[in-house]
Amino acid sequence: MAAVREKLLTASDLAALCEVDLKTIHNWVDRGRIPHFRTPGRHLRFRAADVAEFLRAWGYTVPRELARASARTILAVGTNETLTLVHRALSEGAAPPGAPPASSGQPVRLVGHPYDALIYAGSDPGDVYVIDIKLYAAEIEPGSMFEALHRASPQAILIALADEPVALPTFVARVGRGDTAGLKKLIAPEPAAAGPTGKAPSSTAPVPPSPGSASVSKLPEAPTEEIPPRAAGGGSR
């Protein structure tokens, strides 16, 4: 599964993991069941972290290779202070001011300039880019910088560290430099809600919840091909 090594999976990879056909994968995508994006050639791609979260939420076994690949890589673009802010967010701000941040176990790479981040985006892309834009505002227009990063790494989460409002593309999230909780929500989101055992709530036809749904029980019954088979109690296509 070469796509896993690149932290991206194809529709065929996901179908094999869930033991369903490609039509089912496209049905899930059309209904917003799983996060995805498309390449310039309109081919579906899934981030390994999103696939691992989907599998865990619906009771599938996450392959060891996928679990390793699903660890998010974060690029902190700025100074050592920027790196410290990211580590503090990952460790939930447990370390007191002035103390070294607790280890989060999540890969974080410090990059000294947005141009270097663009090079990494083309050769070894990160999953999250946290950019301290005040450091570079005098030489680079923030909107253009993020547009270039988005083109180079369309699946990545882009975050601007800025205390003052600034014009940014809609796909960029702005977080105050002191907002540890807000930064954590973006770079280390909580796993998707699932049943008490970690599997889908038992019902005659459970389906992955649609965005904005209050609960699975209020969703209309879906066609059988949309149900993750193991999560629904089945074992084959």
C-alpha atoms as a PDB file:
ATOM      1  CA  MET A   1       0.000   0.000   0.000  1.00  0.00           C
ATOM      2  CA  ALA A   2       2.373   2.716  -1.284  1.00  0.00           C
ATOM      3  CA  ALA A   3      -0.131   5.492  -0.575  1.00  0.00           C
ATOM      4  CA  VAL A   4       0.107   4.798   3.145  1.00  0.00           C
ATOM      5  CA  ARG A   5       3.840   5.527   3.130  1.00  0.00           C
ATOM      6  CA  GLU A   6       2.987   8.914   1.573  1.00  0.00           C
ATOM      7  CA  LYS A   7       0.293   9.432   4.257  1.00  0.00           C
ATOM      8  CA  LEU A   8      -2.346   9.516   1.524  1.00  0.00           C
ATOM      9  CA  LEU A   9      -4.662   6.674   0.520  1.00  0.00           C
ATOM     10  CA  THR A  10      -6.602   6.124  -2.678  1.00  0.00           C
ATOM     11  CA  ALA A  11     -10.239   5.082  -2.916  1.00  0.00           C
ATOM     12  CA  SER A  12      -9.062   1.548  -3.723  1.00  0.00           C
ATOM     13  CA  ASP A  13      -6.914   1.491  -0.572  1.00  0.00           C
ATOM     14  CA  LEU A  14      -9.883   2.512   1.561  1.00  0.00           C
ATOM     15  CA  ALA A  15     -12.180  -0.015  -0.129  1.00  0.00           C
ATOM     16  CA  ALA A  16      -9.693  -2.789   0.629  1.00  0.00           C
ATOM     17  CA  LEU A  17      -9.407  -1.749   4.284  1.00  0.00           C
ATOM     18  CA  CYS A  18     -13.200  -1.645   4.740  1.00  0.00           C
ATOM     19  CA  GLU A  19     -13.886  -4.714   2.546  1.00  0.00           C
ATOM     20  CA  VAL A  20     -16.358  -2.837   0.354  1.00  0.00           C
ATOM     21  CA  ASP A  21     -16.450  -1.927  -3.328  1.00  0.00           C
ATOM     22  CA  LEU A  22     -15.474   1.410  -4.886  1.00  0.00           C
ATOM     23  CA  LYS A  23     -19.109   2.416  -5.355  1.00  0.00           C
ATOM     24  CA  THR A  24     -19.549   2.321  -1.583  1.00  0.00           C
ATOM     25  CA  ILE A  25     -16.506   4.552  -1.062  1.00  0.00           C
ATOM     26  CA  HIS A  26     -17.892   7.085  -3.525  1.00  0.00           C
ATOM     27  CA  ASN A  27     -21.263   6.946  -1.751  1.00  0.00           C
ATOM     28  CA  TRP A  28     -19.555   7.714   1.587  1.00  0.00           C
ATOM     29  CA  VAL A  29     -17.644  10.583  -0.010  1.00  0.00           C
ATOM     30  CA  ASP A  30     -20.746  12.058  -1.647  1.00  0.00           C
ATOM     31  CA  ARG A  31     -22.533  12.001   1.712  1.00  0.00           C
ATOM     32  CA  GLY A  32     -19.641  13.498   3.653  1.00  0.00           C
ATOM     33  CA  ARG A  33     -18.984  10.356   5.715  1.00  0.00           C
ATOM     34  CA  ILE A  34     -15.198  10.695   5.587  1.00  0.00           C
ATOM     35  CA  PRO A  35     -12.881  13.678   5.001  1.00  0.00           C
ATOM     36  CA  HIS A  36     -11.214  13.686   1.596  1.00  0.00           C
ATOM     37  CA  PHE A  37      -9.788  15.889  -1.125  1.00  0.00           C
ATOM     38  CA  ARG A  38      -9.158  15.585  -4.852  1.00  0.00           C
ATOM     39  CA  THR A  39      -5.954  15.910  -6.839  1.00  0.00           C
ATOM     40  CA  PRO A  40      -5.744  18.317  -9.797  1.00  0.00           C
ATOM     41  CA  GLY A  41      -6.745  15.300 -11.915  1.00  0.00           C
ATOM     42  CA  ARG A  42      -9.903  14.873  -9.741  1.00  0.00           C
ATOM     43  CA  HIS A  43      -8.710  11.624  -8.150  1.00  0.00           C
ATOM     44  CA  LEU A  44      -9.863  10.972  -4.594  1.00  0.00           C
ATOM     45  CA  ARG A  45      -7.294  10.997  -1.816  1.00  0.00           C
ATOM     46  CA  PHE A  46      -7.692  10.363   1.915  1.00  0.00           C
ATOM     47  CA  ARG A  47      -5.284  11.417   4.654  1.00  0.00           C
ATOM     48  CA  ALA A  48      -4.026   8.472   6.672  1.00  0.00           C
ATOM     49  CA  ALA A  49      -4.967  10.235   9.928  1.00  0.00           C
ATOM     50  CA  ASP A  50      -8.580  10.667   8.743  1.00  0.00           C
ATOM     51  CA  VAL A  51      -8.811   7.045   7.609  1.00  0.00           C
ATOM     52  CA  ALA A  52      -7.386   5.756  10.911  1.00  0.00           C
ATOM     53  CA  GLU A  53      -9.896   7.874  12.850  1.00  0.00           C
ATOM     54  CA  PHE A  54     -12.759   6.615  10.653  1.00  0.00           C
ATOM     55  CA  LEU A  55     -11.727   2.993  11.160  1.00  0.00           C
ATOM     56  CA  ARG A  56     -11.435   3.378  14.946  1.00  0.00           C
ATOM     57  CA  ALA A  57     -14.783   5.151  15.223  1.00  0.00           C
ATOM     58  CA  TRP A  58     -16.576   2.360  13.362  1.00  0.00           C
ATOM     59  CA  GLY A  59     -14.937  -0.604  15.023  1.00  0.00           C
ATOM     60  CA  TYR A  60     -12.435  -1.652  12.373  1.00  0.00           C
ATOM     61  CA  THR A  61      -8.925  -2.796  13.188  1.00  0.00           C
ATOM     62  CA  VAL A  62      -6.363  -0.163  12.202  1.00  0.00           C
ATOM     63  CA  PRO A  63      -3.384  -1.848  10.467  1.00  0.00           C
ATOM     64  CA  ARG A  64      -0.058  -1.184  12.174  1.00  0.00           C
ATOM     65  CA  GLU A  65       1.406   0.421   9.062  1.00  0.00           C
ATOM     66  CA  LEU A  66      -1.552   2.787   8.803  1.00  0.00           C
ATOM     67  CA  ALA A  67      -1.381   3.650  12.503  1.00  0.00           C
ATOM     68  CA  ARG A  68       2.275   4.664  12.085  1.00  0.00           C
ATOM     69  CA  ALA A  69       1.548   6.678   8.949  1.00  0.00           C
ATOM     70  CA  SER A  70      -1.431   8.430  10.521  1.00  0.00           C
ATOM     71  CA  ALA A  71       0.671  10.359  13.043  1.00  0.00           C
ATOM     72  CA  ARG A  72       0.425  13.991  12.002  1.00  0.00           C
ATOM     73  CA  THR A  73       3.630  15.802  11.100  1.00  0.00           C
ATOM     74  CA  ILE A  74       3.591  19.475  12.088  1.00  0.00           C
ATOM     75  CA  LEU A  75       5.806  22.172  10.588  1.00  0.00           C
ATOM     76  CA  ALA A  76       6.268  25.181  12.857  1.00  0.00           C
ATOM     77  CA  VAL A  77       7.417  28.080  10.690  1.00  0.00           C
ATOM     78  CA  GLY A  78       9.149  30.697  12.798  1.00  0.00           C
ATOM     79  CA  THR A  79      11.564  30.728  15.713  1.00  0.00           C
ATOM     80  CA  ASN A  80      12.203  28.535  18.736  1.00  0.00           C
ATOM     81  CA  GLU A  81       9.428  30.495  20.441  1.00  0.00           C
ATOM     82  CA  THR A  82       7.011  29.333  17.731  1.00  0.00           C
ATOM     83  CA  LEU A  83       8.136  25.757  18.295  1.00  0.00           C
ATOM     84  CA  THR A  84       7.562  26.127  22.037  1.00  0.00           C
ATOM     85  CA  LEU A  85       4.030  27.442  21.439  1.00  0.00           C
ATOM     86  CA  VAL A  86       3.210  24.377  19.332  1.00  0.00           C
ATOM     87  CA  HIS A  87       4.628  21.968  21.914  1.00  0.00           C
ATOM     88  CA  ARG A  88       2.696  23.684  24.687  1.00  0.00           C
ATOM     89  CA  ALA A  89      -0.519  23.315  22.706  1.00  0.00           C
ATOM     90  CA  LEU A  90       0.137  19.616  22.100  1.00  0.00           C
ATOM     91  CA  SER A  91       0.828  19.070  25.796  1.00  0.00           C
ATOM     92  CA  GLU A  92      -2.355  20.992  26.723  1.00  0.00           C
ATOM     93  CA  GLY A  93      -0.343  23.805  28.278  1.00  0.00           C
ATOM     94  CA  ALA A  94       0.591  21.656  31.272  1.00  0.00           C
ATOM     95  CA  ALA A  95       4.097  23.044  31.539  1.00  0.00           C
ATOM     96  CA  PRO A  96       4.389  26.310  33.534  1.00  0.00           C
ATOM     97  CA  PRO A  97       5.668  29.481  31.810  1.00  0.00           C
ATOM     98  CA  GLY A  98       9.416  29.363  31.300  1.00  0.00           C
ATOM     99  CA  ALA A  99       9.611  25.582  31.717  1.00  0.00           C
ATOM    100  CA  PRO A 100      10.378  23.172  28.865  1.00  0.00           C
ATOM    101  CA  PRO A 101       7.161  21.858  27.309  1.00  0.00           C
ATOM    102  CA  ALA A 102       6.116  18.303  27.993  1.00  0.00           C
ATOM    103  CA  SER A 103       6.749  15.848  25.183  1.00  0.00           C
ATOM    104  CA  SER A 104       3.665  15.241  23.030  1.00  0.00           C
ATOM    105  CA  GLY A 105       5.029  12.321  21.025  1.00  0.00           C
ATOM    106  CA  GLN A 106       3.844  14.065  17.841  1.00  0.00           C
ATOM    107  CA  PRO A 107       6.470  14.937  15.211  1.00  0.00           C
ATOM    108  CA  VAL A 108       7.102  18.691  15.078  1.00  0.00           C
ATOM    109  CA  ARG A 109       9.701  20.188  12.747  1.00  0.00           C
ATOM    110  CA  LEU A 110      10.975  23.768  13.050  1.00  0.00           C
ATOM    111  CA  VAL A 111      11.334  25.624   9.749  1.00  0.00           C
ATOM    112  CA  GLY A 112      12.993  29.020   9.683  1.00  0.00           C
ATOM    113  CA  HIS A 113      11.206  30.586   6.710  1.00  0.00           C
ATOM    114  CA  PRO A 114       8.026  30.097   4.627  1.00  0.00           C
ATOM    115  CA  TYR A 115      10.179  29.503   1.539  1.00  0.00           C
ATOM    116  CA  ASP A 116      11.698  26.502   3.312  1.00  0.00           C
ATOM    117  CA  ALA A 117       8.179  25.312   4.165  1.00  0.00           C
ATOM    118  CA  LEU A 118       7.324  25.427   0.450  1.00  0.00           C
ATOM    119  CA  ILE A 119      10.334  23.237  -0.327  1.00  0.00           C
ATOM    120  CA  TYR A 120       9.205  20.699   2.271  1.00  0.00           C
ATOM    121  CA  ALA A 121       5.643  20.854   0.916  1.00  0.00           C
ATOM    122  CA  GLY A 122       6.955  19.643  -2.424  1.00  0.00           C
ATOM    123  CA  SER A 123       9.374  16.993  -1.170  1.00  0.00           C
ATOM    124  CA  ASP A 124       8.251  15.904   2.321  1.00  0.00           C
ATOM    125  CA  PRO A 125       4.897  17.554   3.045  1.00  0.00           C
ATOM    126  CA  GLY A 126       3.611  18.072   6.548  1.00  0.00           C
ATOM    127  CA  ASP A 127       0.037  17.559   7.684  1.00  0.00           C
ATOM    128  CA  VAL A 128      -0.135  20.857   9.584  1.00  0.00           C
ATOM    129  CA  TYR A 129       1.678  24.151   8.964  1.00  0.00           C
ATOM    130  CA  VAL A 130       1.746  26.673  11.820  1.00  0.00           C
ATOM    131  CA  ILE A 131       3.171  29.990  10.627  1.00  0.00           C
ATOM    132  CA  ASP A 132       4.024  32.942  12.860  1.00  0.00           C
ATOM    133  CA  ILE A 133       3.091  35.474  10.188  1.00  0.00           C
ATOM    134  CA  LYS A 134       4.193  38.586  12.076  1.00  0.00           C
ATOM    135  CA  LEU A 135       7.800  37.514  11.530  1.00  0.00           C
ATOM    136  CA  TYR A 136       7.453  37.613   7.743  1.00  0.00           C
ATOM    137  CA  ALA A 137       4.720  40.192   7.079  1.00  0.00           C
ATOM    138  CA  ALA A 138       7.275  42.825   6.000  1.00  0.00           C
ATOM    139  CA  GLU A 139       8.685  40.659   3.199  1.00  0.00           C
ATOM    140  CA  ILE A 140       5.843  38.297   2.189  1.00  0.00           C
ATOM    141  CA  GLU A 141       2.143  38.995   1.695  1.00  0.00           C
ATOM    142  CA  PRO A 142       0.425  36.454   4.020  1.00  0.00           C
ATOM    143  CA  GLY A 143      -2.422  35.595   1.633  1.00  0.00           C
ATOM    144  CA  SER A 144      -0.068  34.819  -1.263  1.00  0.00           C
ATOM    145  CA  MET A 145       2.168  32.768   1.025  1.00  0.00           C
ATOM    146  CA  PHE A 146      -0.723  30.569   2.159  1.00  0.00           C
ATOM    147  CA  GLU A 147      -2.087  30.252  -1.393  1.00  0.00           C
ATOM    148  CA  ALA A 148       1.280  28.874  -2.508  1.00  0.00           C
ATOM    149  CA  LEU A 149       1.411  26.426   0.411  1.00  0.00           C
ATOM    150  CA  HIS A 150      -2.144  25.284  -0.295  1.00  0.00           C
ATOM    151  CA  ARG A 151      -1.313  24.578  -3.930  1.00  0.00           C
ATOM    152  CA  ALA A 152       1.785  22.617  -2.941  1.00  0.00           C
ATOM    153  CA  SER A 153       0.119  20.687  -0.102  1.00  0.00           C
ATOM    154  CA  PRO A 154      -3.685  20.782  -0.598  1.00  0.00           C
ATOM    155  CA  GLN A 155      -4.425  18.201   2.116  1.00  0.00           C
ATOM    156  CA  ALA A 156      -2.613  20.127   4.856  1.00  0.00           C
ATOM    157  CA  ILE A 157      -4.115  22.173   7.678  1.00  0.00           C
ATOM    158  CA  LEU A 158      -2.837  25.757   7.486  1.00  0.00           C
ATOM    159  CA  ILE A 159      -2.732  27.898  10.629  1.00  0.00           C
ATOM    160  CA  ALA A 160      -1.669  31.520  11.025  1.00  0.00           C
ATOM    161  CA  LEU A 161      -0.398  32.639  14.416  1.00  0.00           C
ATOM    162  CA  ALA A 162      -1.529  36.250  14.709  1.00  0.00           C
ATOM    163  CA  ASP A 163      -2.934  38.372  17.507  1.00  0.00           C
ATOM    164  CA  GLU A 164      -4.347  41.011  15.164  1.00  0.00           C
ATOM    165  CA  PRO A 165      -6.964  40.423  12.420  1.00  0.00           C
ATOM    166  CA  VAL A 166      -5.370  39.895   9.018  1.00  0.00           C
ATOM    167  CA  ALA A 167      -6.772  39.150   5.562  1.00  0.00           C
ATOM    168  CA  LEU A 168      -6.320  35.435   4.922  1.00  0.00           C
ATOM    169  CA  PRO A 169      -7.767  32.856   2.508  1.00  0.00           C
ATOM    170  CA  THR A 170     -10.823  30.993   3.782  1.00  0.00           C
ATOM    171  CA  PHE A 171      -8.864  27.727   4.137  1.00  0.00           C
ATOM    172  CA  VAL A 172      -6.493  29.279   6.701  1.00  0.00           C
ATOM    173  CA  ALA A 173      -7.326  29.340  10.417  1.00  0.00           C
ATOM    174  CA  ARG A 174      -6.076  32.261  12.512  1.00  0.00           C
ATOM    175  CA  VAL A 175      -5.158  31.651  16.160  1.00  0.00           C
ATOM    176  CA  GLY A 176      -3.833  34.120  18.702  1.00  0.00           C
ATOM    177  CA  ARG A 177      -0.289  33.459  19.825  1.00  0.00           C
ATOM    178  CA  GLY A 178      -1.494  32.983  23.400  1.00  0.00           C
ATOM    179  CA  ASP A 179      -4.502  30.825  22.525  1.00  0.00           C
ATOM    180  CA  THR A 180      -3.086  27.432  23.496  1.00  0.00           C
ATOM    181  CA  ALA A 181      -6.506  25.757  23.632  1.00  0.00           C
ATOM    182  CA  GLY A 182      -7.498  27.065  20.203  1.00  0.00           C
ATOM    183  CA  LEU A 183      -4.240  25.916  18.655  1.00  0.00           C
ATOM    184  CA  LYS A 184      -4.584  22.467  20.209  1.00  0.00           C
ATOM    185  CA  LYS A 185      -8.066  22.020  18.716  1.00  0.00           C
ATOM    186  CA  LEU A 186      -6.639  22.620  15.264  1.00  0.00           C
ATOM    187  CA  ILE A 187      -3.446  20.575  15.428  1.00  0.00           C
ATOM    188  CA  ALA A 188      -4.637  17.734  17.691  1.00  0.00           C
ATOM    189  CA  PRO A 189      -8.429  17.421  17.243  1.00  0.00           C
ATOM    190  CA  GLU A 190     -10.391  15.056  19.436  1.00  0.00           C
ATOM    191  CA  PRO A 191     -11.283  11.674  17.849  1.00  0.00           C
ATOM    192  CA  ALA A 192     -14.710  11.422  16.243  1.00  0.00           C
ATOM    193  CA  ALA A 193     -17.507  10.468  18.580  1.00  0.00           C
ATOM    194  CA  ALA A 194     -18.460   6.807  18.622  1.00  0.00           C
ATOM    195  CA  GLY A 195     -20.457   4.383  20.710  1.00  0.00           C
ATOM    196  CA  PRO A 196     -19.435   3.524  24.286  1.00  0.00           C
ATOM    197  CA  THR A 197     -17.319   0.597  23.096  1.00  0.00           C
ATOM    198  CA  GLY A 198     -15.629   2.634  20.342  1.00  0.00           C
ATOM    199  CA  LYS A 199     -17.840   1.040  17.698  1.00  0.00           C
ATOM    200  CA  ALA A 200     -20.877   2.364  15.888  1.00  0.00           C
ATOM    201  CA  PRO A 201     -24.043   2.509  18.032  1.00  0.00           C
ATOM    202  CA  SER A 202     -26.052  -0.655  17.509  1.00  0.00           C
ATOM    203  CA  SER A 203     -29.107  -0.282  15.272  1.00  0.00           C
ATOM    204  CA  THR A 204     -30.628  -2.006  12.299  1.00  0.00           C
ATOM    205  CA  ALA A 205     -28.751   0.156   9.824  1.00  0.00           C
ATOM    206  CA  PRO A 206     -26.092   2.389  11.426  1.00  0.00           C
ATOM    207  CA  VAL A 207     -24.288   4.824   9.147  1.00  0.00           C
ATOM    208  CA  PRO A 208     -21.426   7.236   9.777  1.00  0.00           C
ATOM    209  CA  PRO A 209     -23.010  10.485  11.050  1.00  0.00           C
ATOM    210  CA  SER A 210     -23.410  13.336   8.597  1.00  0.00           C
ATOM    211  CA  PRO A 211     -21.848  16.711   9.464  1.00  0.00           C
ATOM    212  CA  GLY A 212     -24.104  18.614  11.842  1.00  0.00           C
ATOM    213  CA  SER A 213     -26.202  15.590  12.796  1.00  0.00           C
ATOM    214  CA  ALA A 214     -27.273  15.456  16.425  1.00  0.00           C
ATOM    215  CA  SER A 215     -27.149  11.673  16.689  1.00  0.00           C
ATOM    216  CA  VAL A 216     -27.024   8.575  14.545  1.00  0.00           C
ATOM    217  CA  SER A 217     -30.454   7.431  15.699  1.00  0.00           C
ATOM    218  CA  LYS A 218     -32.126  10.443  14.043  1.00  0.00           C
ATOM    219  CA  LEU A 219     -30.668   9.722  10.611  1.00  0.00           C
ATOM    220  CA  PRO A 220     -32.865   8.056   7.989  1.00  0.00           C
ATOM    221  CA  GLU A 221     -32.020   4.462   7.238  1.00  0.00           C
ATOM    222  CA  ALA A 222     -29.314   4.260   4.589  1.00  0.00           C
ATOM    223  CA  PRO A 223     -28.843   1.691   1.822  1.00  0.00           C
ATOM    224  CA  THR A 224     -26.885  -1.366   2.877  1.00  0.00           C
ATOM    225  CA  GLU A 225     -23.884  -0.451   0.754  1.00  0.00           C
ATOM    226  CA  GLU A 226     -23.240   2.656   2.859  1.00  0.00           C
ATOM    227  CA  ILE A 227     -22.799   0.719   6.114  1.00  0.00           C
ATOM    228  CA  PRO A 228     -19.264  -0.096   7.262  1.00  0.00           C
ATOM    229  CA  PRO A 229     -19.790  -3.893   7.347  1.00  0.00           C
ATOM    230  CA  ARG A 230     -17.851  -4.741  10.522  1.00  0.00           C
ATOM    231  CA  ALA A 231     -19.270  -1.758  12.366  1.00  0.00           C
ATOM    232  CA  ALA A 232     -22.776  -2.922  11.414  1.00  0.00           C
ATOM    233  CA  GLY A 233     -22.081  -6.472  12.478  1.00  0.00           C
ATOM    234  CA  GLY A 234     -21.314  -7.968   9.079  1.00  0.00           C
ATOM    235  CA  GLY A 235     -17.998  -9.343   7.964  1.00  0.00           C
ATOM    236  CA  SER A 236     -17.984  -9.248   4.184  1.00  0.00           C
ATOM    237  CA  ARG A 237     -19.100  -7.239   1.229  1.00  0.00           C
END
